[in-house]
Amino acid sequence: IEFIRVYADKTHHQKEEELLFKAMLETKDEMANNLVNHGMIVEHNLARLYVWELENALKAYQKEPTVKLKLAIVTNTMSYVYLLRRHIDKENRVAYPYGERLLSKEVIEKLNEQAKNYMK
């Protein structure tokens, strides 16, 4: 859970939200708005929900190890895994290529530099 929150969410998803998605939204492109706000951000928030539910199930299971809580642990873990697999595919096949076509070379270079220094 800590790895997911620190790396996947804070380092990766927040960086996308604060840098790439922000730049894409600033273009006022309708398709970028739909992709970011109704696709990528929704999936980031859904991933956060699965992790939150997983953490709650783990804490509850430590107090009272029931089959129901074990099922909640497995369900939320696998829901996160399946979501992340689809999300990565969408990033690679849709979001990043669209961003590369939408944004100027200068903006992309600036984003790459900001990404390198993100969280330093």
C-alpha atoms as a PDB file:
ATOM      1  CA  ILE A   1       0.000   0.000   0.000  1.00  0.00           C
ATOM      2  CA  GLU A   2       2.818   2.391   0.818  1.00  0.00           C
ATOM      3  CA  PHE A   3       4.531   1.595  -2.503  1.00  0.00           C
ATOM      4  CA  ILE A   4       1.292   2.163  -4.402  1.00  0.00           C
ATOM      5  CA  ARG A   5       0.650   5.468  -2.666  1.00  0.00           C
ATOM      6  CA  VAL A   6       4.198   6.789  -2.914  1.00  0.00           C
ATOM      7  CA  TYR A   7       5.218   5.524  -6.345  1.00  0.00           C
ATOM      8  CA  ALA A   8       2.130   4.749  -8.406  1.00  0.00           C
ATOM      9  CA  ASP A   9      -0.069   7.510  -7.063  1.00  0.00           C
ATOM     10  CA  LYS A  10       2.128  10.331  -5.788  1.00  0.00           C
ATOM     11  CA  THR A  11       5.124  10.006  -8.082  1.00  0.00           C
ATOM     12  CA  HIS A  12       3.333   8.836 -11.232  1.00  0.00           C
ATOM     13  CA  HIS A  13      -0.371   9.757 -11.172  1.00  0.00           C
ATOM     14  CA  GLN A  14       0.030  13.101  -9.429  1.00  0.00           C
ATOM     15  CA  LYS A  15       2.865  13.997 -11.798  1.00  0.00           C
ATOM     16  CA  GLU A  16       0.580  13.245 -14.746  1.00  0.00           C
ATOM     17  CA  GLU A  17      -2.246  15.271 -13.204  1.00  0.00           C
ATOM     18  CA  GLU A  18      -0.107  18.288 -12.294  1.00  0.00           C
ATOM     19  CA  LEU A  19       2.029  18.378 -15.437  1.00  0.00           C
ATOM     20  CA  LEU A  20       0.813  16.495 -18.512  1.00  0.00           C
ATOM     21  CA  PHE A  21      -2.938  16.576 -17.936  1.00  0.00           C
ATOM     22  CA  LYS A  22      -2.823  20.228 -16.883  1.00  0.00           C
ATOM     23  CA  ALA A  23      -0.972  21.112 -20.106  1.00  0.00           C
ATOM     24  CA  MET A  24      -3.427  19.094 -22.179  1.00  0.00           C
ATOM     25  CA  LEU A  25      -6.413  20.813 -20.528  1.00  0.00           C
ATOM     26  CA  GLU A  26      -4.898  24.258 -21.094  1.00  0.00           C
ATOM     27  CA  THR A  27      -5.219  23.682 -24.860  1.00  0.00           C
ATOM     28  CA  LYS A  28      -9.027  23.745 -24.444  1.00  0.00           C
ATOM     29  CA  ASP A  29      -9.196  20.726 -26.756  1.00  0.00           C
ATOM     30  CA  GLU A  30     -12.527  18.942 -26.232  1.00  0.00           C
ATOM     31  CA  MET A  31     -11.121  15.460 -26.811  1.00  0.00           C
ATOM     32  CA  ALA A  32      -8.262  16.128 -24.363  1.00  0.00           C
ATOM     33  CA  ASN A  33     -10.815  17.307 -21.807  1.00  0.00           C
ATOM     34  CA  ASN A  34     -12.834  14.109 -22.226  1.00  0.00           C
ATOM     35  CA  LEU A  35      -9.757  11.876 -22.131  1.00  0.00           C
ATOM     36  CA  VAL A  36      -8.338  13.541 -19.030  1.00  0.00           C
ATOM     37  CA  ASN A  37     -11.442  14.340 -16.984  1.00  0.00           C
ATOM     38  CA  HIS A  38     -13.694  11.456 -17.947  1.00  0.00           C
ATOM     39  CA  GLY A  39     -11.039   8.794 -18.423  1.00  0.00           C
ATOM     40  CA  MET A  40      -7.625   9.145 -16.844  1.00  0.00           C
ATOM     41  CA  ILE A  41      -8.603  11.108 -13.712  1.00  0.00           C
ATOM     42  CA  VAL A  42     -11.585   8.830 -13.098  1.00  0.00           C
ATOM     43  CA  GLU A  43      -9.275   5.812 -13.234  1.00  0.00           C
ATOM     44  CA  HIS A  44      -6.749   7.484 -10.897  1.00  0.00           C
ATOM     45  CA  ASN A  45      -9.532   8.095  -8.392  1.00  0.00           C
ATOM     46  CA  LEU A  46     -10.877   4.576  -8.779  1.00  0.00           C
ATOM     47  CA  ALA A  47      -7.381   3.214  -8.104  1.00  0.00           C
ATOM     48  CA  ARG A  48      -7.212   5.383  -4.964  1.00  0.00           C
ATOM     49  CA  LEU A  49     -10.570   3.978  -3.869  1.00  0.00           C
ATOM     50  CA  TYR A  50      -9.413   0.365  -4.308  1.00  0.00           C
ATOM     51  CA  VAL A  51      -6.281   1.065  -2.259  1.00  0.00           C
ATOM     52  CA  TRP A  52      -8.310   2.787   0.466  1.00  0.00           C
ATOM     53  CA  GLU A  53     -10.752  -0.158   0.576  1.00  0.00           C
ATOM     54  CA  LEU A  54      -7.837  -2.622   0.627  1.00  0.00           C
ATOM     55  CA  GLU A  55      -6.213  -0.816   3.540  1.00  0.00           C
ATOM     56  CA  ASN A  56      -9.482  -0.797   5.493  1.00  0.00           C
ATOM     57  CA  ALA A  57     -10.023  -4.500   4.829  1.00  0.00           C
ATOM     58  CA  LEU A  58      -6.472  -5.332   5.952  1.00  0.00           C
ATOM     59  CA  LYS A  59      -6.862  -3.354   9.170  1.00  0.00           C
ATOM     60  CA  ALA A  60     -10.196  -4.991   9.895  1.00  0.00           C
ATOM     61  CA  TYR A  61      -8.796  -8.444   9.087  1.00  0.00           C
ATOM     62  CA  GLN A  62      -5.975  -7.941  11.596  1.00  0.00           C
ATOM     63  CA  LYS A  63      -8.602  -7.346  14.297  1.00  0.00           C
ATOM     64  CA  GLU A  64     -10.998 -10.063  13.166  1.00  0.00           C
ATOM     65  CA  PRO A  65      -9.773 -12.495  10.468  1.00  0.00           C
ATOM     66  CA  THR A  66     -12.997 -13.463   8.729  1.00  0.00           C
ATOM     67  CA  VAL A  67     -13.576 -15.018   5.334  1.00  0.00           C
ATOM     68  CA  LYS A  68     -15.593 -11.941   4.317  1.00  0.00           C
ATOM     69  CA  LEU A  69     -12.645  -9.654   5.055  1.00  0.00           C
ATOM     70  CA  LYS A  70     -10.227 -12.001   3.303  1.00  0.00           C
ATOM     71  CA  LEU A  71     -12.491 -11.819   0.256  1.00  0.00           C
ATOM     72  CA  ALA A  72     -12.507  -8.002   0.495  1.00  0.00           C
ATOM     73  CA  ILE A  73      -8.690  -8.010   0.522  1.00  0.00           C
ATOM     74  CA  VAL A  74      -8.468 -10.238  -2.546  1.00  0.00           C
ATOM     75  CA  THR A  75     -11.272  -8.411  -4.373  1.00  0.00           C
ATOM     76  CA  ASN A  76      -9.798  -4.942  -3.902  1.00  0.00           C
ATOM     77  CA  THR A  77      -6.287  -6.120  -4.706  1.00  0.00           C
ATOM     78  CA  MET A  78      -7.347  -7.771  -7.951  1.00  0.00           C
ATOM     79  CA  SER A  79      -9.631  -4.862  -8.858  1.00  0.00           C
ATOM     80  CA  TYR A  80      -6.603  -2.578  -8.534  1.00  0.00           C
ATOM     81  CA  VAL A  81      -4.444  -4.941 -10.613  1.00  0.00           C
ATOM     82  CA  TYR A  82      -6.993  -5.228 -13.435  1.00  0.00           C
ATOM     83  CA  LEU A  83      -7.621  -1.469 -13.436  1.00  0.00           C
ATOM     84  CA  LEU A  84      -3.906  -0.710 -13.536  1.00  0.00           C
ATOM     85  CA  ARG A  85      -3.316  -3.075 -16.460  1.00  0.00           C
ATOM     86  CA  ARG A  86      -6.058  -1.397 -18.495  1.00  0.00           C
ATOM     87  CA  HIS A  87      -4.921   2.042 -17.380  1.00  0.00           C
ATOM     88  CA  ILE A  88      -1.311   1.475 -18.456  1.00  0.00           C
ATOM     89  CA  ASP A  89      -2.512   0.261 -21.849  1.00  0.00           C
ATOM     90  CA  LYS A  90      -4.693   3.379 -22.208  1.00  0.00           C
ATOM     91  CA  GLU A  91      -1.754   5.608 -21.259  1.00  0.00           C
ATOM     92  CA  ASN A  92       0.534   3.971 -23.794  1.00  0.00           C
ATOM     93  CA  ARG A  93      -1.921   3.630 -26.660  1.00  0.00           C
ATOM     94  CA  VAL A  94      -4.153   6.698 -26.205  1.00  0.00           C
ATOM     95  CA  ALA A  95      -3.192   9.362 -23.641  1.00  0.00           C
ATOM     96  CA  TYR A  96       0.525   9.772 -24.349  1.00  0.00           C
ATOM     97  CA  PRO A  97       0.253   9.579 -28.155  1.00  0.00           C
ATOM     98  CA  TYR A  98      -2.623  12.082 -28.075  1.00  0.00           C
ATOM     99  CA  GLY A  99      -0.638  14.409 -25.831  1.00  0.00           C
ATOM    100  CA  GLU A 100       2.337  14.182 -28.198  1.00  0.00           C
ATOM    101  CA  ARG A 101       0.146  15.177 -31.154  1.00  0.00           C
ATOM    102  CA  LEU A 102      -1.702  17.893 -29.226  1.00  0.00           C
ATOM    103  CA  LEU A 103       1.174  19.665 -27.490  1.00  0.00           C
ATOM    104  CA  SER A 104       3.942  21.644 -29.143  1.00  0.00           C
ATOM    105  CA  LYS A 105       7.556  20.478 -29.083  1.00  0.00           C
ATOM    106  CA  GLU A 106       8.377  23.321 -26.708  1.00  0.00           C
ATOM    107  CA  VAL A 107       5.664  22.341 -24.244  1.00  0.00           C
ATOM    108  CA  ILE A 108       6.724  18.688 -24.375  1.00  0.00           C
ATOM    109  CA  GLU A 109      10.356  19.635 -23.726  1.00  0.00           C
ATOM    110  CA  LYS A 110       9.268  21.795 -20.770  1.00  0.00           C
ATOM    111  CA  LEU A 111       7.120  18.943 -19.400  1.00  0.00           C
ATOM    112  CA  ASN A 112      10.005  16.476 -19.752  1.00  0.00           C
ATOM    113  CA  GLU A 113      12.265  18.818 -17.782  1.00  0.00           C
ATOM    114  CA  GLN A 114       9.601  19.359 -15.097  1.00  0.00           C
ATOM    115  CA  ALA A 115       9.039  15.597 -14.884  1.00  0.00           C
ATOM    116  CA  LYS A 116      12.748  14.989 -14.304  1.00  0.00           C
ATOM    117  CA  ASN A 117      12.726  17.419 -11.389  1.00  0.00           C
ATOM    118  CA  TYR A 118       9.370  16.346  -9.980  1.00  0.00           C
ATOM    119  CA  MET A 119       9.579  15.339  -6.297  1.00  0.00           C
ATOM    120  CA  LYS A 120      13.262  16.270  -5.971  1.00  0.00           C
END
